[in-house]
Amino acid sequence: MTHSQTPGGTGRCLCGAVQYRYDGEPTTIGLCQCDRCQRQSGSAFLIGVIFPKEAVTIVGPLATYEAKVDGEQRLWRHFCPTCGSAISITLERYPEIRSMMGGTLDDKSRITPRFSVWCSAGQPWLTLPAGITCFADYPDGTFGG
């Protein structure tokens, strides 16, 4: 999943007001191409680097946007209130994980996505590299579960 030999690392928002440290290696790394994640990331997809919730320590103020996925399960998008950088997502569906936004990791060479969810909502011009499994929707066992 990652290229580095040393487990753990750091990350931060654009302005540096929010910083974090993670212990160990991610449990998985994936992309999300749903409309909500495209809007949050301002790009064709969001990169989710998944850790056990207790493996991540965040320092600095976070603002939170709460939404319901499909009108049922809650999802919280955490971001820097100063610069607006998306930092992480937590989900009612998977309370034991924290999804850190890939672009905020200090060492981006550690990011090797294994899958992408909501490929059915993806940008038509986007072709993912071989080796990334593409799911039309969000099956259990991808980001959490």
Protein backbone atom coordinates (compact mmCIF):
# COMPACT_ATOMS: atom_id res chain seq x y z
CA MET A 1 0.00 0.00 0.00
CA THR A 2 2.79 2.41 0.79
CA HIS A 3 6.36 2.87 -0.40
CA SER A 4 8.03 4.02 2.83
CA GLN A 5 9.76 1.65 5.25
CA THR A 6 8.99 3.80 8.31
CA PRO A 7 5.43 3.41 9.67
CA GLY A 8 3.62 6.58 10.64
CA GLY A 9 3.83 10.10 9.32
CA THR A 10 2.43 13.60 9.35
CA GLY A 11 0.18 15.92 7.40
CA ARG A 12 -1.30 19.41 7.44
CA CYS A 13 -3.68 21.84 5.83
CA LEU A 14 -2.65 24.52 3.35
CA CYS A 15 -2.10 27.25 5.97
CA GLY A 16 -0.61 24.96 8.64
CA ALA A 17 -3.22 25.77 11.32
CA VAL A 18 -4.29 22.10 11.36
CA GLN A 19 -1.61 19.43 11.60
CA TYR A 20 -1.79 15.72 12.31
CA ARG A 21 0.29 12.65 12.98
CA TYR A 22 -0.66 9.08 12.18
CA ASP A 23 0.83 5.93 13.65
CA GLY A 24 1.35 2.81 11.56
CA GLU A 25 0.35 2.14 8.00
CA PRO A 26 -3.02 2.87 6.38
CA THR A 27 -5.47 -0.03 6.41
CA THR A 28 -6.36 0.85 2.82
CA ILE A 29 -6.20 3.71 0.32
CA GLY A 30 -8.95 4.43 -2.17
CA LEU A 31 -10.56 7.04 -4.37
CA CYS A 32 -14.15 8.26 -4.28
CA GLN A 33 -15.75 9.70 -7.41
CA CYS A 34 -19.21 10.44 -5.97
CA ASP A 35 -20.66 13.88 -6.66
CA ARG A 36 -20.26 14.97 -3.02
CA CYS A 37 -16.56 14.09 -2.93
CA GLN A 38 -15.98 15.79 -6.28
CA ARG A 39 -17.55 18.94 -4.86
CA GLN A 40 -15.56 18.77 -1.61
CA SER A 41 -12.23 18.11 -3.31
CA GLY A 42 -12.86 20.47 -6.23
CA SER A 43 -11.47 17.71 -8.43
CA ALA A 44 -12.47 14.49 -10.19
CA PHE A 45 -12.09 12.41 -7.03
CA LEU A 46 -11.14 12.42 -3.38
CA ILE A 47 -8.22 10.34 -2.08
CA GLY A 48 -9.11 8.56 1.16
CA VAL A 49 -6.19 7.24 3.24
CA ILE A 50 -7.80 5.06 5.91
CA PHE A 51 -6.49 4.59 9.44
CA PRO A 52 -7.96 3.23 12.65
CA LYS A 53 -9.47 6.30 14.33
CA GLU A 54 -7.16 6.04 17.35
CA ALA A 55 -4.04 6.03 15.10
CA VAL A 56 -4.56 9.69 14.10
CA THR A 57 -3.90 12.70 16.33
CA ILE A 58 -5.11 16.05 14.99
CA VAL A 59 -3.85 19.35 16.43
CA GLY A 60 -5.57 22.62 15.60
CA PRO A 61 -9.13 23.80 15.07
CA LEU A 62 -11.44 21.84 12.78
CA ALA A 63 -14.75 22.93 11.34
CA THR A 64 -17.21 20.16 10.48
CA TYR A 65 -19.89 19.77 7.85
CA GLU A 66 -22.42 17.03 8.66
CA ALA A 67 -24.48 15.36 5.98
CA LYS A 68 -26.60 12.25 5.62
CA VAL A 69 -25.65 9.72 2.98
CA ASP A 70 -28.74 8.46 1.15
CA GLY A 71 -30.84 10.13 3.86
CA GLU A 72 -29.71 7.63 6.50
CA GLN A 73 -26.11 7.32 7.67
CA ARG A 74 -24.34 10.47 8.87
CA LEU A 75 -20.97 11.54 7.51
CA TRP A 76 -18.77 14.32 8.88
CA ARG A 77 -16.35 16.26 6.66
CA HIS A 78 -13.68 17.95 8.77
CA PHE A 79 -11.77 20.92 7.37
CA CYS A 80 -9.57 23.85 8.40
CA PRO A 81 -11.74 26.85 9.26
CA THR A 82 -8.97 29.23 8.12
CA CYS A 83 -7.90 27.96 4.69
CA GLY A 84 -10.74 25.51 3.96
CA SER A 85 -8.50 22.48 3.32
CA ALA A 86 -10.36 19.19 3.67
CA ILE A 87 -8.56 17.18 6.37
CA SER A 88 -10.61 14.07 7.11
CA ILE A 89 -13.94 12.31 6.96
CA THR A 90 -15.57 10.25 9.70
CA LEU A 91 -18.61 8.09 9.10
CA GLU A 92 -21.43 6.80 11.25
CA ARG A 93 -21.34 3.67 9.08
CA TYR A 94 -17.70 2.98 10.09
CA PRO A 95 -17.06 4.68 13.46
CA GLU A 96 -13.74 2.89 13.96
CA ILE A 97 -11.96 4.56 11.02
CA ARG A 98 -10.76 8.02 10.03
CA SER A 99 -10.30 8.82 6.35
CA MET A 100 -7.48 11.32 5.91
CA MET A 101 -7.40 13.32 2.69
CA GLY A 102 -4.49 12.13 0.56
CA GLY A 103 -3.43 15.59 -0.57
CA THR A 104 -2.76 16.63 3.03
CA LEU A 105 -0.13 13.96 3.77
CA ASP A 106 3.37 15.41 3.94
CA ASP A 107 4.80 12.34 2.18
CA LYS A 108 2.58 11.83 -0.87
CA SER A 109 4.85 9.06 -2.19
CA ARG A 110 3.09 6.86 0.38
CA ILE A 111 -0.21 7.04 -1.55
CA THR A 112 -0.99 4.03 -3.73
CA PRO A 113 -4.77 3.66 -4.24
CA ARG A 114 -6.10 0.12 -4.53
CA PHE A 115 -9.68 0.89 -5.58
CA SER A 116 -12.15 3.60 -6.57
CA VAL A 117 -15.81 3.78 -5.53
CA TRP A 118 -18.67 5.49 -7.35
CA CYS A 119 -16.98 5.10 -10.73
CA SER A 120 -20.49 5.36 -12.20
CA ALA A 121 -20.44 9.07 -11.22
CA GLY A 122 -16.88 9.67 -12.44
CA GLN A 123 -15.75 12.25 -14.97
CA PRO A 124 -16.02 10.74 -18.47
CA TRP A 125 -12.49 11.83 -19.42
CA LEU A 126 -10.86 10.10 -16.44
CA THR A 127 -9.08 6.79 -17.01
CA LEU A 128 -7.66 5.22 -13.87
CA PRO A 129 -4.36 3.31 -13.98
CA ALA A 130 -4.37 -0.47 -14.27
CA GLY A 131 -4.41 -2.10 -10.85
CA ILE A 132 -7.06 0.20 -9.36
CA THR A 133 -10.30 -1.77 -9.00
CA CYS A 134 -13.29 0.33 -10.05
CA PHE A 135 -16.66 -0.14 -8.31
CA ALA A 136 -19.85 1.39 -9.76
CA ASP A 137 -21.14 2.18 -6.25
CA TYR A 138 -19.86 1.90 -2.65
CA PRO A 139 -19.67 -1.77 -1.67
CA ASP A 140 -19.00 -2.89 1.88
CA GLY A 141 -15.40 -3.75 2.57
CA THR A 142 -13.82 -0.95 0.52
CA PHE A 143 -13.13 2.04 2.81
CA GLY A 144 -14.40 0.37 5.98
CA GLY A 145 -16.19 -2.61 7.33
